[in-house]
Amino acid sequence: MPIYEFLCLSCHKSFDELYRSASERRRPACPSCGSSEVSKKFSSFAMGGKASGDSGSSSGGCGGCSRSSCSGCH
């Protein structure tokens, strides 16, 4: 079941919405103000766990970039 992120165009709050399938096409209402004027956000996701034989992150750092230290991205 996919989870999509939305941004309310009225109150500018972000919220998540769970869908039963990727083909479901409904427009949610903002839980903060009730507006149906929302925009789907592009979001990234993080993967947890390790692959078999993997001793750590192959990208170094926090896994969100290729740097060896997170001081440049945090």
N, C-alpha and C. Protein backbone atom coordinates (compact mmCIF):
# COMPACT_ATOMS: atom_id res chain seq x y z
N MET A 1 0.84 -1.18 0.00
CA MET A 1 0.00 0.00 0.00
C MET A 1 0.89 1.24 0.00
N PRO A 2 0.76 2.08 -0.99
CA PRO A 2 1.59 3.28 -1.06
C PRO A 2 1.12 4.37 -0.11
N ILE A 3 2.07 5.14 0.37
CA ILE A 3 1.80 6.32 1.18
C ILE A 3 2.28 7.53 0.37
N TYR A 4 1.40 8.48 0.14
CA TYR A 4 1.75 9.68 -0.61
C TYR A 4 1.78 10.88 0.31
N GLU A 5 2.66 11.83 0.00
CA GLU A 5 2.75 13.08 0.74
C GLU A 5 2.05 14.17 -0.05
N PHE A 6 1.32 15.01 0.67
CA PHE A 6 0.60 16.11 0.05
C PHE A 6 0.93 17.41 0.76
N LEU A 7 0.76 18.51 0.06
CA LEU A 7 0.91 19.85 0.62
C LEU A 7 -0.41 20.57 0.43
N CYS A 8 -0.96 21.12 1.51
CA CYS A 8 -2.20 21.89 1.44
C CYS A 8 -1.87 23.26 0.88
N LEU A 9 -2.57 23.65 -0.17
CA LEU A 9 -2.33 24.94 -0.80
C LEU A 9 -2.99 26.09 -0.03
N SER A 10 -3.87 25.76 0.91
CA SER A 10 -4.54 26.79 1.72
C SER A 10 -3.74 27.14 2.97
N CYS A 11 -3.38 26.11 3.76
CA CYS A 11 -2.67 26.38 5.03
C CYS A 11 -1.19 26.01 4.99
N HIS A 12 -0.73 25.44 3.87
CA HIS A 12 0.67 25.10 3.64
C HIS A 12 1.23 24.04 4.58
N LYS A 13 0.37 23.19 5.11
CA LYS A 13 0.81 22.07 5.96
C LYS A 13 1.00 20.83 5.10
N SER A 14 1.97 20.02 5.44
CA SER A 14 2.21 18.75 4.75
C SER A 14 1.53 17.63 5.52
N PHE A 15 1.05 16.62 4.79
CA PHE A 15 0.46 15.45 5.44
C PHE A 15 0.60 14.24 4.53
N ASP A 16 0.50 13.06 5.12
CA ASP A 16 0.60 11.79 4.41
C ASP A 16 -0.78 11.17 4.27
N GLU A 17 -0.96 10.41 3.21
CA GLU A 17 -2.23 9.73 2.98
C GLU A 17 -1.92 8.31 2.48
N LEU A 18 -2.53 7.32 3.11
CA LEU A 18 -2.35 5.92 2.75
C LEU A 18 -3.39 5.54 1.69
N TYR A 19 -2.94 4.90 0.64
CA TYR A 19 -3.83 4.44 -0.44
C TYR A 19 -3.82 2.92 -0.48
N ARG A 20 -4.93 2.32 -0.87
CA ARG A 20 -5.01 0.86 -0.96
C ARG A 20 -4.21 0.30 -2.12
N SER A 21 -4.08 1.08 -3.20
CA SER A 21 -3.26 0.66 -4.35
C SER A 21 -2.73 1.90 -5.05
N ALA A 22 -1.71 1.69 -5.87
CA ALA A 22 -1.11 2.81 -6.59
C ALA A 22 -2.06 3.38 -7.64
N SER A 23 -3.05 2.60 -8.06
CA SER A 23 -3.99 3.07 -9.08
C SER A 23 -5.17 3.86 -8.51
N GLU A 24 -5.27 3.92 -7.19
CA GLU A 24 -6.37 4.68 -6.56
C GLU A 24 -6.20 6.16 -6.86
N ARG A 25 -7.25 6.81 -7.28
CA ARG A 25 -7.18 8.21 -7.73
C ARG A 25 -8.14 9.10 -6.96
N ARG A 26 -7.93 9.28 -5.68
CA ARG A 26 -8.79 10.19 -4.93
C ARG A 26 -7.96 11.37 -4.44
N ARG A 27 -8.61 12.49 -4.27
CA ARG A 27 -7.95 13.70 -3.80
C ARG A 27 -8.32 13.88 -2.32
N PRO A 28 -7.35 13.76 -1.41
CA PRO A 28 -7.67 13.86 0.01
C PRO A 28 -7.92 15.31 0.44
N ALA A 29 -8.53 15.44 1.60
CA ALA A 29 -8.73 16.76 2.22
C ALA A 29 -7.65 16.95 3.28
N CYS A 30 -7.22 18.17 3.47
CA CYS A 30 -6.22 18.50 4.47
C CYS A 30 -6.77 18.21 5.86
N PRO A 31 -6.03 17.45 6.68
CA PRO A 31 -6.52 17.18 8.04
C PRO A 31 -6.48 18.40 8.95
N SER A 32 -5.70 19.42 8.62
CA SER A 32 -5.61 20.62 9.45
C SER A 32 -6.73 21.61 9.21
N CYS A 33 -7.02 21.90 7.92
CA CYS A 33 -8.03 22.93 7.63
C CYS A 33 -9.22 22.40 6.83
N GLY A 34 -9.14 21.16 6.33
CA GLY A 34 -10.26 20.57 5.60
C GLY A 34 -10.32 20.93 4.12
N SER A 35 -9.37 21.72 3.64
CA SER A 35 -9.37 22.13 2.24
C SER A 35 -9.07 20.94 1.32
N SER A 36 -9.70 20.93 0.15
CA SER A 36 -9.41 19.90 -0.85
C SER A 36 -8.41 20.42 -1.88
N GLU A 37 -7.91 21.64 -1.68
CA GLU A 37 -6.90 22.23 -2.56
C GLU A 37 -5.52 21.74 -2.09
N VAL A 38 -5.14 20.56 -2.56
CA VAL A 38 -3.87 19.96 -2.15
C VAL A 38 -3.06 19.59 -3.39
N SER A 39 -1.77 19.48 -3.20
CA SER A 39 -0.85 19.12 -4.26
C SER A 39 0.00 17.94 -3.79
N LYS A 40 0.16 16.93 -4.65
CA LYS A 40 1.00 15.79 -4.30
C LYS A 40 2.45 16.23 -4.35
N LYS A 41 3.20 15.90 -3.31
CA LYS A 41 4.60 16.26 -3.23
C LYS A 41 5.46 15.14 -3.77
N PHE A 42 6.60 15.50 -4.32
CA PHE A 42 7.60 14.51 -4.69
C PHE A 42 8.36 14.20 -3.42
N SER A 43 8.46 12.94 -3.08
CA SER A 43 9.17 12.60 -1.85
C SER A 43 10.13 11.46 -2.09
N SER A 44 11.16 11.44 -1.30
CA SER A 44 12.12 10.35 -1.35
C SER A 44 11.84 9.41 -0.19
N PHE A 45 12.42 8.26 -0.22
CA PHE A 45 12.22 7.31 0.87
C PHE A 45 13.56 6.74 1.28
N ALA A 46 13.61 6.23 2.48
CA ALA A 46 14.82 5.61 3.01
C ALA A 46 14.60 4.12 3.11
N MET A 47 15.62 3.38 2.81
CA MET A 47 15.53 1.92 2.94
C MET A 47 16.36 1.51 4.13
N GLY A 48 15.79 0.68 4.97
CA GLY A 48 16.50 0.19 6.13
C GLY A 48 17.01 -1.22 5.89
N GLY A 49 17.81 -1.68 6.81
CA GLY A 49 18.32 -3.05 6.70
C GLY A 49 19.58 -3.11 5.88
N LYS A 50 20.13 -4.33 5.80
CA LYS A 50 21.36 -4.55 5.06
C LYS A 50 21.16 -5.68 4.08
N ALA A 51 21.82 -5.59 2.96
CA ALA A 51 21.81 -6.69 2.00
C ALA A 51 22.71 -7.79 2.51
N SER A 52 22.50 -8.98 2.07
CA SER A 52 23.30 -10.11 2.48
C SER A 52 24.77 -9.86 2.16
N GLY A 53 25.63 -9.98 3.18
CA GLY A 53 27.05 -9.77 2.98
C GLY A 53 27.44 -8.30 2.99
N ASP A 54 26.53 -7.43 3.20
CA ASP A 54 26.80 -5.99 3.22
C ASP A 54 27.28 -5.61 4.61
N SER A 55 28.41 -4.93 4.70
CA SER A 55 28.95 -4.55 6.00
C SER A 55 28.59 -3.12 6.36
N GLY A 56 27.77 -2.46 5.58
CA GLY A 56 27.38 -1.09 5.87
C GLY A 56 26.93 -0.40 4.62
N SER A 57 26.77 0.89 4.71
CA SER A 57 26.31 1.67 3.56
C SER A 57 27.40 1.79 2.52
N SER A 58 27.09 1.52 1.27
CA SER A 58 28.07 1.63 0.21
C SER A 58 28.30 3.07 -0.19
N SER A 59 27.40 3.96 0.18
CA SER A 59 27.55 5.35 -0.21
C SER A 59 28.29 6.16 0.83
N GLY A 60 28.57 5.58 1.99
CA GLY A 60 29.24 6.33 3.04
C GLY A 60 28.28 7.30 3.70
N GLY A 61 28.75 8.00 4.71
CA GLY A 61 27.92 9.00 5.37
C GLY A 61 26.61 8.44 5.87
N CYS A 62 25.56 9.19 5.66
CA CYS A 62 24.25 8.83 6.20
C CYS A 62 23.41 8.02 5.22
N GLY A 63 23.90 7.77 4.02
CA GLY A 63 23.15 7.03 3.04
C GLY A 63 22.32 7.92 2.13
N GLY A 64 22.21 9.20 2.47
CA GLY A 64 21.45 10.13 1.66
C GLY A 64 22.30 10.84 0.62
N CYS A 65 23.59 10.63 0.69
CA CYS A 65 24.49 11.26 -0.27
C CYS A 65 25.74 10.40 -0.40
N SER A 66 26.68 10.83 -1.19
CA SER A 66 27.89 10.03 -1.39
C SER A 66 29.07 10.56 -0.58
N ARG A 67 28.83 11.51 0.29
CA ARG A 67 29.91 12.07 1.11
C ARG A 67 30.28 11.10 2.23
N SER A 68 31.49 11.19 2.71
CA SER A 68 31.92 10.31 3.80
C SER A 68 31.52 10.85 5.17
N SER A 69 31.04 12.08 5.21
CA SER A 69 30.62 12.70 6.46
C SER A 69 29.29 13.41 6.24
N CYS A 70 28.42 13.37 7.24
CA CYS A 70 27.12 14.04 7.12
C CYS A 70 27.20 15.53 7.42
N SER A 71 28.36 16.04 7.77
CA SER A 71 28.45 17.45 8.12
C SER A 71 28.12 18.36 6.95
N GLY A 72 28.27 17.87 5.71
CA GLY A 72 27.96 18.68 4.55
C GLY A 72 26.49 18.68 4.17
N CYS A 73 25.75 17.67 4.65
CA CYS A 73 24.34 17.60 4.24
C CYS A 73 23.38 17.77 5.42
N HIS A 74 23.86 17.91 6.60
CA HIS A 74 22.99 18.09 7.78
C HIS A 74 23.32 19.37 8.47
